[in-house]
Amino acid sequence: MSDATPPGATHRRIRPFNTKATYPEQNLDNDLCQAVVAGGVVYLRGQIGQDLDTRESVGIGDVEVQADKAMANIAMLLDEAGSSLKDIVKVTVYLVDIRYREVVYRVMGRWLKGVYPVSTGLVVDALARPEWLVEIDATAVISQPADPS
């Protein structure tokens, strides 16, 4: 895990990267990160069927595998940010085909059982790479420890 947080910063950037390396086939040069923690809120970049360490796509042609990997990435990033799946307050799902909705939402349901976030689902023409079928982004809070009194 890398962190691009300068000393004294009011927020923390987790897993910074540049789009030049991430999308070498595209003429891009943007500095981004996978998560930002600010004011007790964790904002995640949309997650897809990609290994965050190797940048390899997983589940090509299989929306269920891609959705599961996206949710695993979300869980990992929230953990790195000091949060967890139970702290998710909002998810947004992007599908390239409405027929994938039921499969993707079943996968999300397994990961988010008992969480009850608000959710928005959109059908889009395409994602950043043609092999990606679903993208899921999430916003979470960092829970405060329970008051022992």
N, C-alpha and C. Protein backbone atom coordinates (compact mmCIF):
# COMPACT_ATOMS: atom_id res chain seq x y z
N MET A 1 0.84 -1.18 0.00
CA MET A 1 0.00 0.00 0.00
C MET A 1 0.88 1.24 0.00
N SER A 2 0.57 2.19 -0.84
CA SER A 2 1.29 3.45 -0.83
C SER A 2 0.33 4.55 -0.42
N ASP A 3 0.91 5.61 0.08
CA ASP A 3 0.12 6.71 0.61
C ASP A 3 0.84 8.00 0.22
N ALA A 4 0.15 8.92 -0.41
CA ALA A 4 0.75 10.19 -0.84
C ALA A 4 0.25 11.32 0.04
N THR A 5 0.40 11.17 1.32
CA THR A 5 -0.09 12.18 2.24
C THR A 5 1.08 13.00 2.77
N PRO A 6 1.14 14.27 2.39
CA PRO A 6 2.22 15.10 2.92
C PRO A 6 1.99 15.39 4.40
N PRO A 7 3.07 15.61 5.16
CA PRO A 7 2.92 15.94 6.58
C PRO A 7 2.02 17.17 6.74
N GLY A 8 1.13 17.12 7.73
CA GLY A 8 0.25 18.25 8.01
C GLY A 8 -0.96 18.36 7.09
N ALA A 9 -1.15 17.40 6.21
CA ALA A 9 -2.29 17.44 5.27
C ALA A 9 -3.60 17.24 6.02
N THR A 10 -4.66 17.83 5.49
CA THR A 10 -5.98 17.68 6.12
C THR A 10 -6.71 16.46 5.61
N HIS A 11 -6.13 15.78 4.64
CA HIS A 11 -6.72 14.55 4.12
C HIS A 11 -5.60 13.61 3.70
N ARG A 12 -5.98 12.36 3.45
CA ARG A 12 -5.00 11.33 3.12
C ARG A 12 -5.38 10.69 1.80
N ARG A 13 -4.39 10.53 0.92
CA ARG A 13 -4.59 9.90 -0.38
C ARG A 13 -3.95 8.51 -0.35
N ILE A 14 -4.74 7.50 -0.70
CA ILE A 14 -4.30 6.11 -0.60
C ILE A 14 -4.12 5.53 -2.00
N ARG A 15 -3.00 4.87 -2.20
CA ARG A 15 -2.65 4.21 -3.46
C ARG A 15 -2.67 5.17 -4.65
N PRO A 16 -1.83 6.20 -4.60
CA PRO A 16 -1.76 7.13 -5.74
C PRO A 16 -1.19 6.43 -6.98
N PHE A 17 -1.61 6.93 -8.14
CA PHE A 17 -1.10 6.39 -9.40
C PHE A 17 -1.27 7.46 -10.47
N ASN A 18 -0.64 7.22 -11.61
CA ASN A 18 -0.80 8.11 -12.75
C ASN A 18 -1.42 7.32 -13.90
N THR A 19 -2.37 7.92 -14.56
CA THR A 19 -3.08 7.24 -15.64
C THR A 19 -2.16 6.89 -16.82
N LYS A 20 -1.02 7.54 -16.93
CA LYS A 20 -0.09 7.21 -18.00
C LYS A 20 0.38 5.76 -17.89
N ALA A 21 0.60 5.30 -16.64
CA ALA A 21 1.03 3.92 -16.41
C ALA A 21 -0.16 2.96 -16.41
N THR A 22 -1.30 3.43 -15.92
CA THR A 22 -2.48 2.56 -15.80
C THR A 22 -3.13 2.28 -17.16
N TYR A 23 -3.16 3.29 -18.01
CA TYR A 23 -3.78 3.17 -19.34
C TYR A 23 -2.77 3.54 -20.42
N PRO A 24 -1.72 2.72 -20.60
CA PRO A 24 -0.67 3.08 -21.56
C PRO A 24 -1.18 3.18 -23.01
N GLU A 25 -2.30 2.53 -23.30
CA GLU A 25 -2.86 2.58 -24.65
C GLU A 25 -3.60 3.89 -24.93
N GLN A 26 -3.80 4.69 -23.88
CA GLN A 26 -4.49 5.97 -24.01
C GLN A 26 -3.52 7.11 -23.73
N ASN A 27 -3.71 8.23 -24.34
CA ASN A 27 -2.83 9.38 -24.17
C ASN A 27 -3.30 10.21 -22.97
N LEU A 28 -3.01 9.69 -21.75
CA LEU A 28 -3.45 10.33 -20.52
C LEU A 28 -2.26 10.60 -19.60
N ASP A 29 -2.41 11.58 -18.73
CA ASP A 29 -1.38 11.90 -17.74
C ASP A 29 -2.05 12.59 -16.56
N ASN A 30 -2.82 11.81 -15.78
CA ASN A 30 -3.56 12.35 -14.66
C ASN A 30 -3.10 11.68 -13.38
N ASP A 31 -2.84 12.48 -12.34
CA ASP A 31 -2.50 11.96 -11.02
C ASP A 31 -3.79 11.71 -10.24
N LEU A 32 -4.02 10.45 -9.90
CA LEU A 32 -5.22 10.04 -9.17
C LEU A 32 -4.82 9.15 -8.01
N CYS A 33 -5.80 8.68 -7.26
CA CYS A 33 -5.55 7.70 -6.21
C CYS A 33 -6.79 6.82 -6.08
N GLN A 34 -6.66 5.74 -5.35
CA GLN A 34 -7.77 4.80 -5.18
C GLN A 34 -8.74 5.24 -4.09
N ALA A 35 -8.26 6.01 -3.11
CA ALA A 35 -9.13 6.46 -2.02
C ALA A 35 -8.59 7.75 -1.43
N VAL A 36 -9.51 8.58 -0.96
CA VAL A 36 -9.17 9.79 -0.22
C VAL A 36 -9.95 9.76 1.09
N VAL A 37 -9.24 10.03 2.19
CA VAL A 37 -9.89 10.14 3.49
C VAL A 37 -9.86 11.62 3.86
N ALA A 38 -11.05 12.19 4.10
CA ALA A 38 -11.15 13.60 4.46
C ALA A 38 -12.34 13.80 5.38
N GLY A 39 -12.12 14.46 6.49
CA GLY A 39 -13.20 14.78 7.40
C GLY A 39 -13.97 13.57 7.90
N GLY A 40 -13.28 12.45 8.10
CA GLY A 40 -13.93 11.24 8.60
C GLY A 40 -14.71 10.47 7.55
N VAL A 41 -14.57 10.86 6.27
CA VAL A 41 -15.26 10.19 5.17
C VAL A 41 -14.21 9.57 4.25
N VAL A 42 -14.52 8.38 3.74
CA VAL A 42 -13.64 7.71 2.78
C VAL A 42 -14.34 7.72 1.43
N TYR A 43 -13.70 8.34 0.45
CA TYR A 43 -14.21 8.40 -0.92
C TYR A 43 -13.37 7.44 -1.76
N LEU A 44 -14.03 6.47 -2.37
CA LEU A 44 -13.31 5.49 -3.18
C LEU A 44 -13.47 5.76 -4.66
N ARG A 45 -12.43 5.45 -5.39
CA ARG A 45 -12.50 5.44 -6.85
C ARG A 45 -13.35 4.24 -7.24
N GLY A 46 -14.09 4.33 -8.33
CA GLY A 46 -14.86 3.19 -8.80
C GLY A 46 -13.96 1.98 -8.98
N GLN A 47 -14.40 0.83 -8.48
CA GLN A 47 -13.60 -0.40 -8.54
C GLN A 47 -14.17 -1.35 -9.58
N ILE A 48 -13.27 -2.04 -10.24
CA ILE A 48 -13.62 -2.94 -11.33
C ILE A 48 -12.93 -4.29 -11.09
N GLY A 49 -13.05 -5.17 -12.05
CA GLY A 49 -12.40 -6.47 -11.95
C GLY A 49 -10.92 -6.35 -12.29
N GLN A 50 -10.16 -5.76 -11.39
CA GLN A 50 -8.73 -5.56 -11.60
C GLN A 50 -7.99 -5.76 -10.29
N ASP A 51 -6.88 -6.47 -10.34
CA ASP A 51 -6.01 -6.61 -9.19
C ASP A 51 -5.30 -5.28 -8.99
N LEU A 52 -5.45 -4.67 -7.83
CA LEU A 52 -4.87 -3.35 -7.59
C LEU A 52 -3.35 -3.37 -7.51
N ASP A 53 -2.77 -4.50 -7.18
CA ASP A 53 -1.31 -4.58 -7.10
C ASP A 53 -0.66 -4.83 -8.45
N THR A 54 -1.24 -5.71 -9.24
CA THR A 54 -0.64 -6.06 -10.53
C THR A 54 -1.25 -5.29 -11.70
N ARG A 55 -2.42 -4.68 -11.48
CA ARG A 55 -3.19 -3.96 -12.50
C ARG A 55 -3.74 -4.89 -13.58
N GLU A 56 -3.70 -6.20 -13.32
CA GLU A 56 -4.24 -7.17 -14.27
C GLU A 56 -5.75 -7.26 -14.14
N SER A 57 -6.44 -7.30 -15.28
CA SER A 57 -7.89 -7.50 -15.27
C SER A 57 -8.18 -8.95 -14.90
N VAL A 58 -9.25 -9.16 -14.14
CA VAL A 58 -9.68 -10.51 -13.78
C VAL A 58 -11.11 -10.71 -14.27
N GLY A 59 -11.48 -11.95 -14.48
CA GLY A 59 -12.85 -12.26 -14.85
C GLY A 59 -13.28 -11.72 -16.20
N ILE A 60 -12.38 -11.69 -17.14
CA ILE A 60 -12.75 -11.17 -18.46
C ILE A 60 -13.91 -12.00 -19.02
N GLY A 61 -15.00 -11.29 -19.34
CA GLY A 61 -16.20 -11.96 -19.84
C GLY A 61 -17.13 -12.49 -18.76
N ASP A 62 -16.76 -12.35 -17.48
CA ASP A 62 -17.55 -12.90 -16.38
C ASP A 62 -17.89 -11.79 -15.39
N VAL A 63 -19.09 -11.24 -15.50
CA VAL A 63 -19.48 -10.10 -14.67
C VAL A 63 -19.53 -10.45 -13.19
N GLU A 64 -19.84 -11.69 -12.85
CA GLU A 64 -19.88 -12.10 -11.44
C GLU A 64 -18.49 -12.04 -10.82
N VAL A 65 -17.49 -12.55 -11.53
CA VAL A 65 -16.11 -12.51 -11.03
C VAL A 65 -15.63 -11.06 -10.91
N GLN A 66 -15.97 -10.24 -11.91
CA GLN A 66 -15.57 -8.84 -11.87
C GLN A 66 -16.22 -8.10 -10.69
N ALA A 67 -17.51 -8.35 -10.45
CA ALA A 67 -18.20 -7.71 -9.33
C ALA A 67 -17.59 -8.15 -8.00
N ASP A 68 -17.28 -9.43 -7.88
CA ASP A 68 -16.68 -9.93 -6.65
C ASP A 68 -15.32 -9.29 -6.41
N LYS A 69 -14.52 -9.14 -7.46
CA LYS A 69 -13.20 -8.51 -7.32
C LYS A 69 -13.35 -7.04 -6.97
N ALA A 70 -14.33 -6.36 -7.57
CA ALA A 70 -14.57 -4.95 -7.24
C ALA A 70 -14.91 -4.82 -5.76
N MET A 71 -15.77 -5.70 -5.25
CA MET A 71 -16.14 -5.65 -3.83
C MET A 71 -14.96 -6.00 -2.93
N ALA A 72 -14.13 -6.95 -3.35
CA ALA A 72 -12.93 -7.28 -2.57
C ALA A 72 -11.98 -6.08 -2.52
N ASN A 73 -11.85 -5.38 -3.65
CA ASN A 73 -11.02 -4.17 -3.68
C ASN A 73 -11.58 -3.11 -2.73
N ILE A 74 -12.89 -2.93 -2.75
CA ILE A 74 -13.53 -1.96 -1.86
C ILE A 74 -13.24 -2.31 -0.41
N ALA A 75 -13.39 -3.57 -0.05
CA ALA A 75 -13.12 -4.00 1.33
C ALA A 75 -11.67 -3.73 1.71
N MET A 76 -10.74 -4.03 0.80
CA MET A 76 -9.32 -3.83 1.07
C MET A 76 -9.00 -2.34 1.23
N LEU A 77 -9.52 -1.51 0.33
CA LEU A 77 -9.24 -0.08 0.40
C LEU A 77 -9.83 0.55 1.66
N LEU A 78 -11.04 0.13 2.02
CA LEU A 78 -11.64 0.66 3.24
C LEU A 78 -10.81 0.27 4.45
N ASP A 79 -10.31 -0.95 4.48
CA ASP A 79 -9.45 -1.39 5.57
C ASP A 79 -8.19 -0.52 5.63
N GLU A 80 -7.58 -0.26 4.48
CA GLU A 80 -6.38 0.57 4.42
C GLU A 80 -6.67 2.00 4.89
N ALA A 81 -7.91 2.44 4.72
CA ALA A 81 -8.31 3.79 5.11
C ALA A 81 -8.74 3.88 6.56
N GLY A 82 -8.84 2.72 7.26
CA GLY A 82 -9.29 2.72 8.64
C GLY A 82 -10.79 2.60 8.77
N SER A 83 -11.43 2.08 7.75
CA SER A 83 -12.88 1.92 7.72
C SER A 83 -13.19 0.45 7.42
N SER A 84 -14.43 0.16 7.08
CA SER A 84 -14.80 -1.21 6.74
C SER A 84 -16.09 -1.20 5.91
N LEU A 85 -16.44 -2.36 5.41
CA LEU A 85 -17.68 -2.50 4.63
C LEU A 85 -18.89 -2.04 5.42
N LYS A 86 -18.92 -2.30 6.72
CA LYS A 86 -20.09 -1.92 7.54
C LYS A 86 -20.26 -0.41 7.63
N ASP A 87 -19.23 0.34 7.26
CA ASP A 87 -19.27 1.80 7.32
C ASP A 87 -19.68 2.45 6.00
N ILE A 88 -19.99 1.64 4.99
CA ILE A 88 -20.41 2.19 3.70
C ILE A 88 -21.77 2.88 3.84
N VAL A 89 -21.87 4.07 3.28
CA VAL A 89 -23.13 4.81 3.31
C VAL A 89 -23.76 4.93 1.93
N LYS A 90 -22.95 4.81 0.86
CA LYS A 90 -23.47 4.95 -0.50
C LYS A 90 -22.66 4.12 -1.46
N VAL A 91 -23.35 3.44 -2.37
CA VAL A 91 -22.70 2.75 -3.47
C VAL A 91 -23.33 3.21 -4.79
N THR A 92 -22.50 3.25 -5.80
CA THR A 92 -22.99 3.52 -7.16
C THR A 92 -22.46 2.41 -8.05
N VAL A 93 -23.37 1.82 -8.81
CA VAL A 93 -23.02 0.70 -9.69
C VAL A 93 -23.20 1.14 -11.13
N TYR A 94 -22.17 0.88 -11.93
CA TYR A 94 -22.20 1.18 -13.35
C TYR A 94 -22.14 -0.14 -14.11
N LEU A 95 -23.14 -0.41 -14.94
CA LEU A 95 -23.21 -1.64 -15.73
C LEU A 95 -23.17 -1.28 -17.21
N VAL A 96 -22.51 -2.11 -18.01
CA VAL A 96 -22.52 -1.88 -19.45
C VAL A 96 -23.69 -2.60 -20.12
N ASP A 97 -24.43 -3.40 -19.34
CA ASP A 97 -25.59 -4.12 -19.88
C ASP A 97 -26.57 -4.36 -18.73
N ILE A 98 -27.81 -3.93 -18.90
CA ILE A 98 -28.82 -4.06 -17.85
C ILE A 98 -29.03 -5.52 -17.44
N ARG A 99 -28.73 -6.45 -18.34
CA ARG A 99 -28.90 -7.87 -18.02
C ARG A 99 -27.94 -8.35 -16.94
N TYR A 100 -26.91 -7.57 -16.62
CA TYR A 100 -25.96 -7.94 -15.57
C TYR A 100 -26.44 -7.53 -14.17
N ARG A 101 -27.52 -6.76 -14.11
CA ARG A 101 -27.95 -6.16 -12.84
C ARG A 101 -28.18 -7.20 -11.74
N GLU A 102 -28.96 -8.22 -12.03
CA GLU A 102 -29.29 -9.19 -10.99
C GLU A 102 -28.06 -9.89 -10.44
N VAL A 103 -27.17 -10.31 -11.32
CA VAL A 103 -25.94 -11.01 -10.89
C VAL A 103 -25.09 -10.09 -10.02
N VAL A 104 -24.88 -8.86 -10.48
CA VAL A 104 -24.03 -7.92 -9.74
C VAL A 104 -24.63 -7.58 -8.38
N TYR A 105 -25.93 -7.34 -8.34
CA TYR A 105 -26.55 -6.98 -7.07
C TYR A 105 -26.58 -8.16 -6.09
N ARG A 106 -26.62 -9.38 -6.60
CA ARG A 106 -26.51 -10.54 -5.70
C ARG A 106 -25.11 -10.59 -5.08
N VAL A 107 -24.08 -10.33 -5.88
CA VAL A 107 -22.72 -10.30 -5.36
C VAL A 107 -22.59 -9.20 -4.30
N MET A 108 -23.05 -8.01 -4.63
CA MET A 108 -22.99 -6.91 -3.66
C MET A 108 -23.76 -7.25 -2.39
N GLY A 109 -24.89 -7.89 -2.56
CA GLY A 109 -25.70 -8.27 -1.41
C GLY A 109 -24.97 -9.19 -0.45
N ARG A 110 -24.18 -10.11 -0.99
CA ARG A 110 -23.38 -10.99 -0.12
C ARG A 110 -22.35 -10.19 0.68
N TRP A 111 -21.68 -9.25 0.02
CA TRP A 111 -20.65 -8.46 0.68
C TRP A 111 -21.24 -7.45 1.66
N LEU A 112 -22.45 -6.95 1.38
CA LEU A 112 -23.03 -5.86 2.17
C LEU A 112 -24.23 -6.29 3.02
N LYS A 113 -24.34 -7.58 3.30
CA LYS A 113 -25.45 -8.08 4.11
C LYS A 113 -25.50 -7.34 5.45
N GLY A 114 -26.66 -6.76 5.77
CA GLY A 114 -26.84 -6.05 7.01
C GLY A 114 -26.30 -4.63 7.05
N VAL A 115 -25.76 -4.12 5.94
CA VAL A 115 -25.17 -2.78 5.93
C VAL A 115 -26.21 -1.69 5.61
N TYR A 116 -27.08 -1.92 4.66
CA TYR A 116 -28.15 -0.99 4.27
C TYR A 116 -27.66 0.37 3.76
N PRO A 117 -26.73 0.41 2.80
CA PRO A 117 -26.34 1.70 2.23
C PRO A 117 -27.40 2.21 1.25
N VAL A 118 -27.33 3.48 0.89
CA VAL A 118 -28.12 3.94 -0.24
C VAL A 118 -27.39 3.50 -1.49
N SER A 119 -28.12 3.32 -2.58
CA SER A 119 -27.51 2.76 -3.79
C SER A 119 -28.12 3.38 -5.03
N THR A 120 -27.28 3.61 -6.01
CA THR A 120 -27.71 4.09 -7.32
C THR A 120 -27.11 3.17 -8.36
N GLY A 121 -27.90 2.77 -9.33
CA GLY A 121 -27.42 1.93 -10.43
C GLY A 121 -27.62 2.63 -11.76
N LEU A 122 -26.59 2.59 -12.58
CA LEU A 122 -26.63 3.23 -13.89
C LEU A 122 -26.20 2.25 -14.96
N VAL A 123 -26.79 2.36 -16.14
CA VAL A 123 -26.33 1.61 -17.30
C VAL A 123 -25.61 2.61 -18.19
N VAL A 124 -24.38 2.28 -18.55
CA VAL A 124 -23.54 3.17 -19.34
C VAL A 124 -23.12 2.47 -20.63
N ASP A 125 -22.68 3.24 -21.59
CA ASP A 125 -22.25 2.66 -22.87
C ASP A 125 -20.96 1.85 -22.73
N ALA A 126 -20.04 2.33 -21.90
CA ALA A 126 -18.75 1.66 -21.77
C ALA A 126 -18.05 2.14 -20.51
N LEU A 127 -17.06 1.36 -20.08
CA LEU A 127 -16.18 1.75 -18.99
C LEU A 127 -14.80 2.05 -19.59
N ALA A 128 -13.80 2.30 -18.76
CA ALA A 128 -12.50 2.75 -19.26
C ALA A 128 -11.78 1.73 -20.14
N ARG A 129 -12.07 0.46 -19.97
CA ARG A 129 -11.50 -0.59 -20.82
C ARG A 129 -12.65 -1.46 -21.32
N PRO A 130 -12.56 -1.95 -22.54
CA PRO A 130 -13.68 -2.72 -23.10
C PRO A 130 -13.96 -4.03 -22.37
N GLU A 131 -12.99 -4.61 -21.68
CA GLU A 131 -13.23 -5.88 -20.98
C GLU A 131 -13.95 -5.70 -19.65
N TRP A 132 -14.05 -4.46 -19.15
CA TRP A 132 -14.71 -4.22 -17.88
C TRP A 132 -16.21 -4.11 -18.09
N LEU A 133 -16.97 -4.88 -17.32
CA LEU A 133 -18.42 -4.98 -17.47
C LEU A 133 -19.18 -4.27 -16.36
N VAL A 134 -18.53 -4.06 -15.22
CA VAL A 134 -19.16 -3.44 -14.05
C VAL A 134 -18.12 -2.62 -13.30
N GLU A 135 -18.57 -1.52 -12.75
CA GLU A 135 -17.74 -0.70 -11.88
C GLU A 135 -18.60 -0.33 -10.67
N ILE A 136 -18.01 -0.42 -9.49
CA ILE A 136 -18.73 -0.12 -8.26
C ILE A 136 -17.91 0.88 -7.47
N ASP A 137 -18.53 2.00 -7.12
CA ASP A 137 -17.81 2.90 -6.22
C ASP A 137 -18.61 3.04 -4.93
N ALA A 138 -17.90 3.44 -3.90
CA ALA A 138 -18.52 3.51 -2.57
C ALA A 138 -17.98 4.70 -1.79
N THR A 139 -18.81 5.16 -0.89
CA THR A 139 -18.43 6.19 0.07
C THR A 139 -18.72 5.62 1.45
N ALA A 140 -17.78 5.80 2.36
CA ALA A 140 -17.94 5.25 3.71
C ALA A 140 -17.48 6.29 4.73
N VAL A 141 -17.82 6.04 5.96
CA VAL A 141 -17.34 6.87 7.07
C VAL A 141 -16.32 6.05 7.86
N ILE A 142 -15.59 6.73 8.69
CA ILE A 142 -14.70 6.03 9.62
C ILE A 142 -15.42 6.02 10.95
N SER A 143 -15.80 4.83 11.39
CA SER A 143 -16.57 4.70 12.63
C SER A 143 -15.77 5.16 13.83
N GLN A 144 -16.48 5.78 14.73
CA GLN A 144 -15.87 6.17 16.00
C GLN A 144 -16.00 4.99 16.96
N PRO A 145 -15.01 4.75 17.79
CA PRO A 145 -15.13 3.66 18.77
C PRO A 145 -16.35 3.91 19.68
N ALA A 146 -16.99 2.84 20.06
CA ALA A 146 -18.16 2.94 20.94
C ALA A 146 -17.73 3.51 22.29
N ASP A 147 -18.58 4.34 22.86
CA ASP A 147 -18.34 4.90 24.18
C ASP A 147 -18.54 3.80 25.23
N PRO A 148 -17.49 3.46 26.01
CA PRO A 148 -17.60 2.35 26.96
C PRO A 148 -18.50 2.64 28.15
N SER A 149 -18.94 3.88 28.35
CA SER A 149 -19.74 4.18 29.55
C SER A 149 -21.18 3.82 29.40
